[in-house]
Amino acid sequence: MAEFIGWTGVVVYIVAYAFLSLGWMRADRVHYHLLNAIGGICLVIVSYTMSDMPNLFVNLAWIFIAFISIIKISFKKADRGRSKVSN
């Protein structure tokens, strides 16, 4: 099961990066960062199971960056919504 989760994470990472690179997805949208977070979570599970601390660390960092980006994008979207209402 851990191997399946790991390969799922790899595929999700590759799909997110490919879609971004091909212009099918944008880095200023939540979807891209959500895919990165999901891929990271899958790889954290596998890294923890295998006691692979370097990979565990880098994927935790990747998840952290993805969630910070999601929060930042969400706040920007909320600010735009408030400015439209106040106009």
N, C-alpha and C. Protein backbone atom coordinates (compact mmCIF):
# COMPACT_ATOMS: atom_id res chain seq x y z
N MET A 1 0.82 -1.20 0.00
CA MET A 1 0.00 0.00 0.00
C MET A 1 0.87 1.26 0.00
N ALA A 2 1.95 1.25 0.76
CA ALA A 2 2.83 2.42 0.82
C ALA A 2 3.41 2.73 -0.56
N GLU A 3 3.75 1.70 -1.31
CA GLU A 3 4.31 1.93 -2.64
C GLU A 3 3.28 2.59 -3.56
N PHE A 4 2.05 2.15 -3.47
CA PHE A 4 0.97 2.76 -4.27
C PHE A 4 0.80 4.23 -3.91
N ILE A 5 0.81 4.54 -2.62
CA ILE A 5 0.68 5.92 -2.16
C ILE A 5 1.86 6.75 -2.68
N GLY A 6 3.06 6.18 -2.63
CA GLY A 6 4.24 6.87 -3.12
C GLY A 6 4.17 7.18 -4.60
N TRP A 7 3.78 6.19 -5.39
CA TRP A 7 3.67 6.41 -6.84
C TRP A 7 2.56 7.40 -7.17
N THR A 8 1.51 7.39 -6.38
CA THR A 8 0.43 8.37 -6.56
C THR A 8 0.99 9.78 -6.34
N GLY A 9 1.77 9.96 -5.30
CA GLY A 9 2.39 11.26 -5.04
C GLY A 9 3.30 11.70 -6.17
N VAL A 10 4.07 10.78 -6.70
CA VAL A 10 4.97 11.10 -7.83
C VAL A 10 4.16 11.55 -9.04
N VAL A 11 3.11 10.82 -9.36
CA VAL A 11 2.28 11.17 -10.52
C VAL A 11 1.63 12.54 -10.32
N VAL A 12 1.13 12.80 -9.12
CA VAL A 12 0.49 14.09 -8.85
C VAL A 12 1.49 15.23 -9.00
N TYR A 13 2.71 15.06 -8.46
CA TYR A 13 3.76 16.08 -8.62
C TYR A 13 4.06 16.34 -10.10
N ILE A 14 4.24 15.27 -10.85
CA ILE A 14 4.59 15.41 -12.27
C ILE A 14 3.45 16.06 -13.05
N VAL A 15 2.23 15.66 -12.78
CA VAL A 15 1.08 16.26 -13.47
C VAL A 15 0.99 17.75 -13.16
N ALA A 16 1.15 18.12 -11.89
CA ALA A 16 1.08 19.54 -11.52
C ALA A 16 2.15 20.34 -12.25
N TYR A 17 3.37 19.84 -12.25
CA TYR A 17 4.46 20.57 -12.89
C TYR A 17 4.29 20.62 -14.41
N ALA A 18 3.86 19.52 -14.99
CA ALA A 18 3.64 19.48 -16.44
C ALA A 18 2.54 20.46 -16.84
N PHE A 19 1.44 20.45 -16.12
CA PHE A 19 0.33 21.37 -16.43
C PHE A 19 0.78 22.81 -16.29
N LEU A 20 1.57 23.11 -15.27
CA LEU A 20 2.09 24.47 -15.11
C LEU A 20 2.99 24.84 -16.27
N SER A 21 3.91 23.97 -16.61
CA SER A 21 4.87 24.24 -17.67
C SER A 21 4.23 24.36 -19.04
N LEU A 22 3.16 23.62 -19.27
CA LEU A 22 2.46 23.67 -20.55
C LEU A 22 1.43 24.79 -20.62
N GLY A 23 1.27 25.51 -19.53
CA GLY A 23 0.32 26.62 -19.51
C GLY A 23 -1.12 26.21 -19.28
N TRP A 24 -1.33 24.98 -18.89
CA TRP A 24 -2.68 24.49 -18.63
C TRP A 24 -3.13 24.80 -17.21
N MET A 25 -2.20 25.26 -16.40
CA MET A 25 -2.48 25.57 -15.00
C MET A 25 -1.63 26.79 -14.65
N ARG A 26 -2.11 27.58 -13.71
CA ARG A 26 -1.37 28.78 -13.32
C ARG A 26 -0.94 28.69 -11.86
N ALA A 27 0.23 29.24 -11.57
CA ALA A 27 0.78 29.21 -10.21
C ALA A 27 0.04 30.15 -9.27
N ASP A 28 -0.75 31.07 -9.82
CA ASP A 28 -1.50 31.99 -8.96
C ASP A 28 -2.91 31.48 -8.68
N ARG A 29 -3.13 30.21 -8.92
CA ARG A 29 -4.41 29.56 -8.64
C ARG A 29 -4.20 28.46 -7.60
N VAL A 30 -5.24 28.20 -6.84
CA VAL A 30 -5.17 27.23 -5.74
C VAL A 30 -4.92 25.81 -6.26
N HIS A 31 -5.46 25.46 -7.42
CA HIS A 31 -5.38 24.08 -7.93
C HIS A 31 -3.94 23.57 -8.00
N TYR A 32 -3.04 24.40 -8.50
CA TYR A 32 -1.65 23.99 -8.64
C TYR A 32 -1.04 23.66 -7.27
N HIS A 33 -1.25 24.51 -6.31
CA HIS A 33 -0.67 24.31 -4.99
C HIS A 33 -1.35 23.16 -4.24
N LEU A 34 -2.62 22.98 -4.51
CA LEU A 34 -3.33 21.85 -3.90
C LEU A 34 -2.77 20.52 -4.41
N LEU A 35 -2.50 20.45 -5.71
CA LEU A 35 -1.87 19.24 -6.25
C LEU A 35 -0.49 19.00 -5.62
N ASN A 36 0.28 20.07 -5.45
CA ASN A 36 1.59 19.92 -4.82
C ASN A 36 1.46 19.44 -3.37
N ALA A 37 0.48 19.96 -2.65
CA ALA A 37 0.27 19.52 -1.27
C ALA A 37 -0.14 18.05 -1.22
N ILE A 38 -1.02 17.64 -2.12
CA ILE A 38 -1.46 16.23 -2.15
C ILE A 38 -0.29 15.31 -2.48
N GLY A 39 0.49 15.68 -3.48
CA GLY A 39 1.67 14.89 -3.82
C GLY A 39 2.63 14.81 -2.66
N GLY A 40 2.84 15.94 -1.98
CA GLY A 40 3.73 15.96 -0.82
C GLY A 40 3.24 15.08 0.32
N ILE A 41 1.94 15.13 0.58
CA ILE A 41 1.38 14.30 1.65
C ILE A 41 1.60 12.82 1.35
N CYS A 42 1.35 12.43 0.11
CA CYS A 42 1.58 11.03 -0.28
C CYS A 42 3.03 10.63 -0.04
N LEU A 43 3.96 11.49 -0.44
CA LEU A 43 5.37 11.16 -0.30
C LEU A 43 5.86 11.25 1.14
N VAL A 44 5.22 12.07 1.96
CA VAL A 44 5.55 12.10 3.39
C VAL A 44 5.16 10.77 4.03
N ILE A 45 4.01 10.26 3.66
CA ILE A 45 3.56 8.97 4.21
C ILE A 45 4.59 7.88 3.90
N VAL A 46 5.03 7.82 2.66
CA VAL A 46 5.99 6.80 2.26
C VAL A 46 7.35 7.03 2.94
N SER A 47 7.78 8.27 2.96
CA SER A 47 9.08 8.60 3.59
C SER A 47 9.07 8.23 5.07
N TYR A 48 7.98 8.50 5.75
CA TYR A 48 7.87 8.15 7.17
C TYR A 48 7.90 6.64 7.35
N THR A 49 7.14 5.94 6.51
CA THR A 49 7.09 4.47 6.58
C THR A 49 8.47 3.85 6.38
N MET A 50 9.28 4.46 5.50
CA MET A 50 10.60 3.91 5.19
C MET A 50 11.72 4.55 6.01
N SER A 51 11.36 5.45 6.93
CA SER A 51 12.35 6.19 7.74
C SER A 51 13.36 6.93 6.87
N ASP A 52 12.86 7.50 5.78
CA ASP A 52 13.70 8.25 4.84
C ASP A 52 13.59 9.73 5.20
N MET A 53 14.41 10.15 6.16
CA MET A 53 14.29 11.49 6.72
C MET A 53 14.57 12.63 5.73
N PRO A 54 15.56 12.53 4.84
CA PRO A 54 15.74 13.63 3.88
C PRO A 54 14.51 13.86 3.00
N ASN A 55 13.93 12.80 2.50
CA ASN A 55 12.72 12.94 1.67
C ASN A 55 11.53 13.39 2.51
N LEU A 56 11.45 12.93 3.73
CA LEU A 56 10.38 13.38 4.62
C LEU A 56 10.48 14.89 4.82
N PHE A 57 11.68 15.38 5.08
CA PHE A 57 11.89 16.80 5.32
C PHE A 57 11.54 17.64 4.09
N VAL A 58 12.07 17.26 2.93
CA VAL A 58 11.82 18.07 1.73
C VAL A 58 10.34 18.09 1.36
N ASN A 59 9.65 16.99 1.57
CA ASN A 59 8.23 16.97 1.24
C ASN A 59 7.39 17.70 2.27
N LEU A 60 7.79 17.71 3.53
CA LEU A 60 7.11 18.55 4.52
C LEU A 60 7.28 20.02 4.16
N ALA A 61 8.49 20.39 3.73
CA ALA A 61 8.73 21.77 3.30
C ALA A 61 7.85 22.11 2.09
N TRP A 62 7.74 21.17 1.15
CA TRP A 62 6.93 21.37 -0.05
C TRP A 62 5.46 21.59 0.32
N ILE A 63 4.96 20.79 1.27
CA ILE A 63 3.58 20.93 1.74
C ILE A 63 3.39 22.29 2.41
N PHE A 64 4.34 22.68 3.24
CA PHE A 64 4.27 23.97 3.93
C PHE A 64 4.19 25.12 2.93
N ILE A 65 5.06 25.09 1.93
CA ILE A 65 5.06 26.14 0.90
C ILE A 65 3.73 26.14 0.14
N ALA A 66 3.21 24.97 -0.18
CA ALA A 66 1.94 24.88 -0.90
C ALA A 66 0.80 25.48 -0.07
N PHE A 67 0.75 25.16 1.23
CA PHE A 67 -0.32 25.69 2.07
C PHE A 67 -0.20 27.19 2.28
N ILE A 68 1.02 27.69 2.42
CA ILE A 68 1.22 29.14 2.53
C ILE A 68 0.72 29.81 1.25
N SER A 69 1.03 29.23 0.10
CA SER A 69 0.57 29.78 -1.17
C SER A 69 -0.94 29.76 -1.29
N ILE A 70 -1.57 28.69 -0.85
CA ILE A 70 -3.03 28.59 -0.88
C ILE A 70 -3.65 29.67 0.00
N ILE A 71 -3.10 29.86 1.19
CA ILE A 71 -3.60 30.90 2.10
C ILE A 71 -3.44 32.28 1.47
N LYS A 72 -2.27 32.55 0.89
CA LYS A 72 -2.00 33.84 0.26
C LYS A 72 -2.98 34.10 -0.88
N ILE A 73 -3.20 33.11 -1.72
CA ILE A 73 -4.14 33.25 -2.84
C ILE A 73 -5.56 33.47 -2.32
N SER A 74 -5.94 32.75 -1.28
CA SER A 74 -7.28 32.90 -0.71
C SER A 74 -7.50 34.30 -0.14
N PHE A 75 -6.48 34.85 0.52
CA PHE A 75 -6.61 36.21 1.06
C PHE A 75 -6.70 37.23 -0.07
N LYS A 76 -5.94 37.05 -1.13
CA LYS A 76 -6.03 37.96 -2.27
C LYS A 76 -7.42 37.92 -2.88
N LYS A 77 -7.97 36.72 -3.00
CA LYS A 77 -9.30 36.57 -3.57
C LYS A 77 -10.34 37.24 -2.67
N ALA A 78 -10.20 37.08 -1.36
CA ALA A 78 -11.13 37.70 -0.42
C ALA A 78 -11.01 39.23 -0.47
N ASP A 79 -9.79 39.75 -0.59
CA ASP A 79 -9.59 41.20 -0.70
C ASP A 79 -10.24 41.75 -1.96
N ARG A 80 -10.11 41.03 -3.08
CA ARG A 80 -10.73 41.47 -4.33
C ARG A 80 -12.25 41.49 -4.19
N GLY A 81 -12.79 40.50 -3.49
CA GLY A 81 -14.23 40.44 -3.28
C GLY A 81 -14.72 41.58 -2.42
N ARG A 82 -13.98 41.93 -1.39
CA ARG A 82 -14.36 43.04 -0.52
C ARG A 82 -14.26 44.38 -1.25
N SER A 83 -13.24 44.55 -2.10
CA SER A 83 -13.10 45.82 -2.80
C SER A 83 -14.21 46.01 -3.82
N LYS A 84 -14.70 44.93 -4.41
CA LYS A 84 -15.82 45.04 -5.35
C LYS A 84 -17.10 45.44 -4.62
N VAL A 85 -17.29 44.92 -3.40
CA VAL A 85 -18.50 45.22 -2.62
C VAL A 85 -18.46 46.67 -2.17
N SER A 86 -17.29 47.17 -1.78
CA SER A 86 -17.20 48.54 -1.28
C SER A 86 -17.27 49.58 -2.38
N ASN A 87 -17.07 49.19 -3.61
CA ASN A 87 -17.14 50.15 -4.74
C ASN A 87 -18.54 50.38 -5.08
